[in-house]
């Protein structure tokens, strides 16, 4: 758990669908609840990763998220 983590910058890391799905599973467990800024640009995830991200946000798994860059 990372209660003080506010920014997670993962740009240009070659993250694919499975990586985003795993990251959002972590968010669903409440372990990323303090994240305000999430930067995921220049990665390699497609529809499955985007769907997982959208579902996670819709379910409130990232309740403090103010900024998302895909």
PDB file of N, CA and C in Angstrom:
ATOM      1  N   UNK A   1       0.845  -1.182   0.000  1.00  0.00           N
ATOM      2  CA  UNK A   1       0.000   0.000   0.000  1.00  0.00           C
ATOM      3  C   UNK A   1       0.886   1.238   0.000  1.00  0.00           C
ATOM      4  N   UNK A   2       0.436   2.266  -0.714  1.00  0.00           N
ATOM      5  CA  UNK A   2       1.206   3.500  -0.823  1.00  0.00           C
ATOM      6  C   UNK A   2       0.313   4.690  -0.456  1.00  0.00           C
ATOM      7  N   UNK A   3       0.036   4.897   0.837  1.00  0.00           N
ATOM      8  CA  UNK A   3      -0.933   5.909   1.241  1.00  0.00           C
ATOM      9  C   UNK A   3      -0.551   7.346   0.901  1.00  0.00           C
ATOM     10  N   UNK A   4       0.725   7.651   0.758  1.00  0.00           N
ATOM     11  CA  UNK A   4       1.142   9.019   0.478  1.00  0.00           C
ATOM     12  C   UNK A   4       1.445   9.259  -0.995  1.00  0.00           C
ATOM     13  N   UNK A   5       1.365   8.234  -1.823  1.00  0.00           N
ATOM     14  CA  UNK A   5       1.697   8.358  -3.239  1.00  0.00           C
ATOM     15  C   UNK A   5       0.605   9.137  -3.958  1.00  0.00           C
ATOM     16  N   UNK A   6       0.977  10.289  -4.531  1.00  0.00           N
ATOM     17  CA  UNK A   6       0.001  11.132  -5.214  1.00  0.00           C
ATOM     18  C   UNK A   6       0.169  11.104  -6.721  1.00  0.00           C
ATOM     19  N   UNK A   7       1.394  10.881  -7.192  1.00  0.00           N
ATOM     20  CA  UNK A   7       1.664  10.860  -8.626  1.00  0.00           C
ATOM     21  C   UNK A   7       2.301   9.537  -9.004  1.00  0.00           C
ATOM     22  N   UNK A   8       1.762   8.915 -10.045  1.00  0.00           N
ATOM     23  CA  UNK A   8       2.327   7.680 -10.577  1.00  0.00           C
ATOM     24  C   UNK A   8       2.596   7.918 -12.054  1.00  0.00           C
ATOM     25  N   UNK A   9       3.872   8.073 -12.382  1.00  0.00           N
ATOM     26  CA  UNK A   9       4.301   8.410 -13.738  1.00  0.00           C
ATOM     27  C   UNK A   9       4.918   7.168 -14.362  1.00  0.00           C
ATOM     28  N   UNK A  10       4.175   6.527 -15.262  1.00  0.00           N
ATOM     29  CA  UNK A  10       4.614   5.282 -15.895  1.00  0.00           C
ATOM     30  C   UNK A  10       4.718   5.432 -17.410  1.00  0.00           C
ATOM     31  N   UNK A  11       4.964   6.629 -17.883  1.00  0.00           N
ATOM     32  CA  UNK A  11       5.045   6.884 -19.321  1.00  0.00           C
ATOM     33  C   UNK A  11       6.216   6.144 -19.950  1.00  0.00           C
ATOM     34  N   UNK A  12       6.010   5.702 -21.184  1.00  0.00           N
ATOM     35  CA  UNK A  12       7.061   5.114 -22.016  1.00  0.00           C
ATOM     36  C   UNK A  12       7.751   3.920 -21.354  1.00  0.00           C
ATOM     37  N   UNK A  13       6.947   3.015 -20.814  1.00  0.00           N
ATOM     38  CA  UNK A  13       7.474   1.820 -20.155  1.00  0.00           C
ATOM     39  C   UNK A  13       7.104   0.532 -20.877  1.00  0.00           C
ATOM     40  N   UNK A  14       6.490   0.637 -22.041  1.00  0.00           N
ATOM     41  CA  UNK A  14       6.119  -0.564 -22.785  1.00  0.00           C
ATOM     42  C   UNK A  14       5.023  -1.380 -22.126  1.00  0.00           C
ATOM     43  N   UNK A  15       4.209  -0.744 -21.301  1.00  0.00           N
ATOM     44  CA  UNK A  15       3.148  -1.455 -20.585  1.00  0.00           C
ATOM     45  C   UNK A  15       2.073  -1.902 -21.577  1.00  0.00           C
ATOM     46  N   UNK A  16       1.728  -3.165 -21.496  1.00  0.00           N
ATOM     47  CA  UNK A  16       0.708  -3.748 -22.377  1.00  0.00           C
ATOM     48  C   UNK A  16      -0.587  -3.956 -21.593  1.00  0.00           C
ATOM     49  N   UNK A  17      -1.568  -4.557 -22.242  1.00  0.00           N
ATOM     50  CA  UNK A  17      -2.871  -4.768 -21.603  1.00  0.00           C
ATOM     51  C   UNK A  17      -2.758  -5.455 -20.248  1.00  0.00           C
ATOM     52  N   UNK A  18      -1.985  -6.519 -20.174  1.00  0.00           N
ATOM     53  CA  UNK A  18      -1.862  -7.276 -18.919  1.00  0.00           C
ATOM     54  C   UNK A  18      -1.316  -6.405 -17.791  1.00  0.00           C
ATOM     55  N   UNK A  19      -0.424  -5.497 -18.115  1.00  0.00           N
ATOM     56  CA  UNK A  19       0.136  -4.603 -17.104  1.00  0.00           C
ATOM     57  C   UNK A  19      -0.890  -3.629 -16.563  1.00  0.00           C
ATOM     58  N   UNK A  20      -1.712  -3.086 -17.452  1.00  0.00           N
ATOM     59  CA  UNK A  20      -2.763  -2.163 -17.012  1.00  0.00           C
ATOM     60  C   UNK A  20      -3.821  -2.912 -16.206  1.00  0.00           C
ATOM     61  N   UNK A  21      -4.169  -4.108 -16.656  1.00  0.00           N
ATOM     62  CA  UNK A  21      -5.138  -4.929 -15.915  1.00  0.00           C
ATOM     63  C   UNK A  21      -4.610  -5.205 -14.503  1.00  0.00           C
ATOM     64  N   UNK A  22      -3.338  -5.543 -14.383  1.00  0.00           N
ATOM     65  CA  UNK A  22      -2.735  -5.806 -13.071  1.00  0.00           C
ATOM     66  C   UNK A  22      -2.702  -4.541 -12.214  1.00  0.00           C
ATOM     67  N   UNK A  23      -2.367  -3.414 -12.825  1.00  0.00           N
ATOM     68  CA  UNK A  23      -2.337  -2.150 -12.097  1.00  0.00           C
ATOM     69  C   UNK A  23      -3.731  -1.790 -11.578  1.00  0.00           C
ATOM     70  N   UNK A  24      -4.734  -2.007 -12.396  1.00  0.00           N
ATOM     71  CA  UNK A  24      -6.102  -1.693 -11.985  1.00  0.00           C
ATOM     72  C   UNK A  24      -6.629  -2.688 -10.950  1.00  0.00           C
ATOM     73  N   UNK A  25      -6.135  -3.912 -10.960  1.00  0.00           N
ATOM     74  CA  UNK A  25      -6.475  -4.871  -9.900  1.00  0.00           C
ATOM     75  C   UNK A  25      -5.916  -4.376  -8.570  1.00  0.00           C
ATOM     76  N   UNK A  26      -4.727  -3.807  -8.610  1.00  0.00           N
ATOM     77  CA  UNK A  26      -4.125  -3.216  -7.413  1.00  0.00           C
ATOM     78  C   UNK A  26      -4.964  -2.033  -6.939  1.00  0.00           C
ATOM     79  N   UNK A  27      -5.412  -1.226  -7.883  1.00  0.00           N
ATOM     80  CA  UNK A  27      -6.270  -0.086  -7.534  1.00  0.00           C
ATOM     81  C   UNK A  27      -7.576  -0.565  -6.903  1.00  0.00           C
ATOM     82  N   UNK A  28      -8.140  -1.639  -7.427  1.00  0.00           N
ATOM     83  CA  UNK A  28      -9.399  -2.182  -6.895  1.00  0.00           C
ATOM     84  C   UNK A  28      -9.258  -2.649  -5.454  1.00  0.00           C
ATOM     85  N   UNK A  29      -8.042  -3.007  -5.061  1.00  0.00           N
ATOM     86  CA  UNK A  29      -7.771  -3.422  -3.680  1.00  0.00           C
ATOM     87  C   UNK A  29      -7.595  -2.219  -2.760  1.00  0.00           C
ATOM     88  N   UNK A  30      -7.686  -1.019  -3.306  1.00  0.00           N
ATOM     89  CA  UNK A  30      -7.545   0.196  -2.508  1.00  0.00           C
ATOM     90  C   UNK A  30      -6.118   0.645  -2.302  1.00  0.00           C
ATOM     91  N   UNK A  31      -5.188   0.018  -2.980  1.00  0.00           N
ATOM     92  CA  UNK A  31      -3.774   0.308  -2.757  1.00  0.00           C
ATOM     93  C   UNK A  31      -3.276   1.544  -3.502  1.00  0.00           C
ATOM     94  N   UNK A  32      -4.109   2.103  -4.361  1.00  0.00           N
ATOM     95  CA  UNK A  32      -3.727   3.316  -5.091  1.00  0.00           C
ATOM     96  C   UNK A  32      -4.738   4.439  -4.844  1.00  0.00           C
ATOM     97  N   UNK A  33      -5.427   4.383  -3.728  1.00  0.00           N
ATOM     98  CA  UNK A  33      -6.507   5.326  -3.439  1.00  0.00           C
ATOM     99  C   UNK A  33      -6.042   6.774  -3.319  1.00  0.00           C
ATOM    100  N   UNK A  34      -4.773   7.009  -3.037  1.00  0.00           N
ATOM    101  CA  UNK A  34      -4.283   8.378  -2.873  1.00  0.00           C
ATOM    102  C   UNK A  34      -3.792   9.006  -4.177  1.00  0.00           C
ATOM    103  N   UNK A  35      -3.774   8.240  -5.261  1.00  0.00           N
ATOM    104  CA  UNK A  35      -3.260   8.740  -6.541  1.00  0.00           C
ATOM    105  C   UNK A  35      -4.131   9.881  -7.065  1.00  0.00           C
ATOM    106  N   UNK A  36      -3.488  11.020  -7.340  1.00  0.00           N
ATOM    107  CA  UNK A  36      -4.167  12.170  -7.924  1.00  0.00           C
ATOM    108  C   UNK A  36      -3.800  12.339  -9.396  1.00  0.00           C
ATOM    109  N   UNK A  37      -2.618  11.886  -9.762  1.00  0.00           N
ATOM    110  CA  UNK A  37      -2.130  12.049 -11.132  1.00  0.00           C
ATOM    111  C   UNK A  37      -1.576  10.720 -11.629  1.00  0.00           C
ATOM    112  N   UNK A  38      -2.082  10.255 -12.761  1.00  0.00           N
ATOM    113  CA  UNK A  38      -1.650   8.996 -13.360  1.00  0.00           C
ATOM    114  C   UNK A  38      -1.250   9.263 -14.806  1.00  0.00           C
ATOM    115  N   UNK A  39       0.016   9.010 -15.113  1.00  0.00           N
ATOM    116  CA  UNK A  39       0.545   9.267 -16.456  1.00  0.00           C
ATOM    117  C   UNK A  39       0.913   7.936 -17.096  1.00  0.00           C
ATOM    118  N   UNK A  40       0.214   7.605 -18.171  1.00  0.00           N
ATOM    119  CA  UNK A  40       0.395   6.319 -18.849  1.00  0.00           C
ATOM    120  C   UNK A  40       0.708   6.482 -20.339  1.00  0.00           C
ATOM    121  N   UNK A  41       1.039   7.674 -20.769  1.00  0.00           N
ATOM    122  CA  UNK A  41       1.265   7.910 -22.197  1.00  0.00           C
ATOM    123  C   UNK A  41       2.456   7.108 -22.731  1.00  0.00           C
ATOM    124  N   UNK A  42       2.448   6.894 -24.024  1.00  0.00           N
ATOM    125  CA  UNK A  42       3.520   6.203 -24.741  1.00  0.00           C
ATOM    126  C   UNK A  42       3.751   4.775 -24.248  1.00  0.00           C
ATOM    127  N   UNK A  43       2.675   4.075 -23.945  1.00  0.00           N
ATOM    128  CA  UNK A  43       2.745   2.665 -23.608  1.00  0.00           C
ATOM    129  C   UNK A  43       2.075   1.868 -24.717  1.00  0.00           C
ATOM    130  N   UNK A  44       1.985   0.569 -24.553  1.00  0.00           N
ATOM    131  CA  UNK A  44       1.512  -0.291 -25.634  1.00  0.00           C
ATOM    132  C   UNK A  44       0.218  -1.027 -25.317  1.00  0.00           C
ATOM    133  N   UNK A  45      -0.583  -0.487 -24.433  1.00  0.00           N
ATOM    134  CA  UNK A  45      -1.835  -1.169 -24.137  1.00  0.00           C
ATOM    135  C   UNK A  45      -2.920  -0.726 -25.120  1.00  0.00           C
ATOM    136  N   UNK A  46      -3.857  -1.635 -25.345  1.00  0.00           N
ATOM    137  CA  UNK A  46      -4.929  -1.385 -26.304  1.00  0.00           C
ATOM    138  C   UNK A  46      -6.279  -1.336 -25.628  1.00  0.00           C
ATOM    139  N   UNK A  47      -7.270  -1.892 -26.312  1.00  0.00           N
ATOM    140  CA  UNK A  47      -8.647  -1.830 -25.824  1.00  0.00           C
ATOM    141  C   UNK A  47      -8.843  -2.503 -24.468  1.00  0.00           C
ATOM    142  N   UNK A  48      -8.240  -3.661 -24.265  1.00  0.00           N
ATOM    143  CA  UNK A  48      -8.415  -4.374 -22.991  1.00  0.00           C
ATOM    144  C   UNK A  48      -7.855  -3.559 -21.823  1.00  0.00           C
ATOM    145  N   UNK A  49      -6.707  -2.944 -22.015  1.00  0.00           N
ATOM    146  CA  UNK A  49      -6.122  -2.101 -20.977  1.00  0.00           C
ATOM    147  C   UNK A  49      -6.955  -0.853 -20.738  1.00  0.00           C
ATOM    148  N   UNK A  50      -7.402  -0.235 -21.826  1.00  0.00           N
ATOM    149  CA  UNK A  50      -8.237   0.960 -21.711  1.00  0.00           C
ATOM    150  C   UNK A  50      -9.563   0.633 -21.028  1.00  0.00           C
ATOM    151  N   UNK A  51     -10.133  -0.521 -21.353  1.00  0.00           N
ATOM    152  CA  UNK A  51     -11.381  -0.946 -20.703  1.00  0.00           C
ATOM    153  C   UNK A  51     -11.183  -1.154 -19.203  1.00  0.00           C
ATOM    154  N   UNK A  52     -10.063  -1.766 -18.828  1.00  0.00           N
ATOM    155  CA  UNK A  52      -9.764  -1.989 -17.407  1.00  0.00           C
ATOM    156  C   UNK A  52      -9.596  -0.657 -16.682  1.00  0.00           C
ATOM    157  N   UNK A  53      -8.929   0.278 -17.324  1.00  0.00           N
ATOM    158  CA  UNK A  53      -8.718   1.602 -16.748  1.00  0.00           C
ATOM    159  C   UNK A  53     -10.056   2.328 -16.574  1.00  0.00           C
ATOM    160  N   UNK A  54     -10.873   2.303 -17.601  1.00  0.00           N
ATOM    161  CA  UNK A  54     -12.186   2.946 -17.548  1.00  0.00           C
ATOM    162  C   UNK A  54     -13.066   2.329 -16.464  1.00  0.00           C
ATOM    163  N   UNK A  55     -13.079   1.015 -16.398  1.00  0.00           N
ATOM    164  CA  UNK A  55     -13.885   0.324 -15.386  1.00  0.00           C
ATOM    165  C   UNK A  55     -13.415   0.671 -13.982  1.00  0.00           C
ATOM    166  N   UNK A  56     -12.111   0.735 -13.803  1.00  0.00           N
ATOM    167  CA  UNK A  56     -11.551   1.047 -12.491  1.00  0.00           C
ATOM    168  C   UNK A  56     -11.955   2.448 -12.042  1.00  0.00           C
ATOM    169  N   UNK A  57     -11.872   3.394 -12.957  1.00  0.00           N
ATOM    170  CA  UNK A  57     -12.265   4.769 -12.634  1.00  0.00           C
ATOM    171  C   UNK A  57     -13.766   4.829 -12.345  1.00  0.00           C
ATOM    172  N   UNK A  58     -14.558   4.158 -13.161  1.00  0.00           N
ATOM    173  CA  UNK A  58     -16.019   4.149 -12.977  1.00  0.00           C
ATOM    174  C   UNK A  58     -16.438   3.552 -11.641  1.00  0.00           C
ATOM    175  N   UNK A  59     -15.697   2.555 -11.185  1.00  0.00           N
ATOM    176  CA  UNK A  59     -16.014   1.884  -9.919  1.00  0.00           C
ATOM    177  C   UNK A  59     -15.498   2.645  -8.704  1.00  0.00           C
ATOM    178  N   UNK A  60     -14.739   3.716  -8.929  1.00  0.00           N
ATOM    179  CA  UNK A  60     -14.225   4.505  -7.817  1.00  0.00           C
ATOM    180  C   UNK A  60     -12.945   3.970  -7.211  1.00  0.00           C
ATOM    181  N   UNK A  61     -12.224   3.153  -7.958  1.00  0.00           N
ATOM    182  CA  UNK A  61     -10.981   2.573  -7.433  1.00  0.00           C
ATOM    183  C   UNK A  61      -9.843   3.589  -7.346  1.00  0.00           C
ATOM    184  N   UNK A  62     -10.001   4.703  -8.036  1.00  0.00           N
ATOM    185  CA  UNK A  62      -9.020   5.795  -7.982  1.00  0.00           C
ATOM    186  C   UNK A  62      -9.770   7.066  -7.562  1.00  0.00           C
ATOM    187  N   UNK A  63     -10.242   7.107  -6.316  1.00  0.00           N
ATOM    188  CA  UNK A  63     -11.166   8.160  -5.888  1.00  0.00           C
ATOM    189  C   UNK A  63     -10.608   9.577  -5.898  1.00  0.00           C
ATOM    190  N   UNK A  64      -9.307   9.741  -5.816  1.00  0.00           N
ATOM    191  CA  UNK A  64      -8.716  11.078  -5.777  1.00  0.00           C
ATOM    192  C   UNK A  64      -8.131  11.512  -7.117  1.00  0.00           C
ATOM    193  N   UNK A  65      -8.285  10.681  -8.133  1.00  0.00           N
ATOM    194  CA  UNK A  65      -7.700  10.969  -9.440  1.00  0.00           C
ATOM    195  C   UNK A  65      -8.257  12.268 -10.015  1.00  0.00           C
ATOM    196  N   UNK A  66      -7.337  13.194 -10.333  1.00  0.00           N
ATOM    197  CA  UNK A  66      -7.706  14.481 -10.917  1.00  0.00           C
ATOM    198  C   UNK A  66      -7.160  14.624 -12.331  1.00  0.00           C
ATOM    199  N   UNK A  67      -6.088  13.897 -12.635  1.00  0.00           N
ATOM    200  CA  UNK A  67      -5.409  14.053 -13.920  1.00  0.00           C
ATOM    201  C   UNK A  67      -4.983  12.693 -14.446  1.00  0.00           C
ATOM    202  N   UNK A  68      -5.365  12.411 -15.668  1.00  0.00           N
ATOM    203  CA  UNK A  68      -4.983  11.166 -16.335  1.00  0.00           C
ATOM    204  C   UNK A  68      -4.458  11.508 -17.710  1.00  0.00           C
ATOM    205  N   UNK A  69      -3.268  11.044 -18.001  1.00  0.00           N
ATOM    206  CA  UNK A  69      -2.711  11.221 -19.345  1.00  0.00           C
ATOM    207  C   UNK A  69      -2.442   9.850 -19.908  1.00  0.00           C
ATOM    208  N   UNK A  70      -3.123   9.527 -21.011  1.00  0.00           N
ATOM    209  CA  UNK A  70      -2.978   8.219 -21.644  1.00  0.00           C
ATOM    210  C   UNK A  70      -2.166   8.346 -22.898  1.00  0.00           C
TER     211      UNK A  70
END
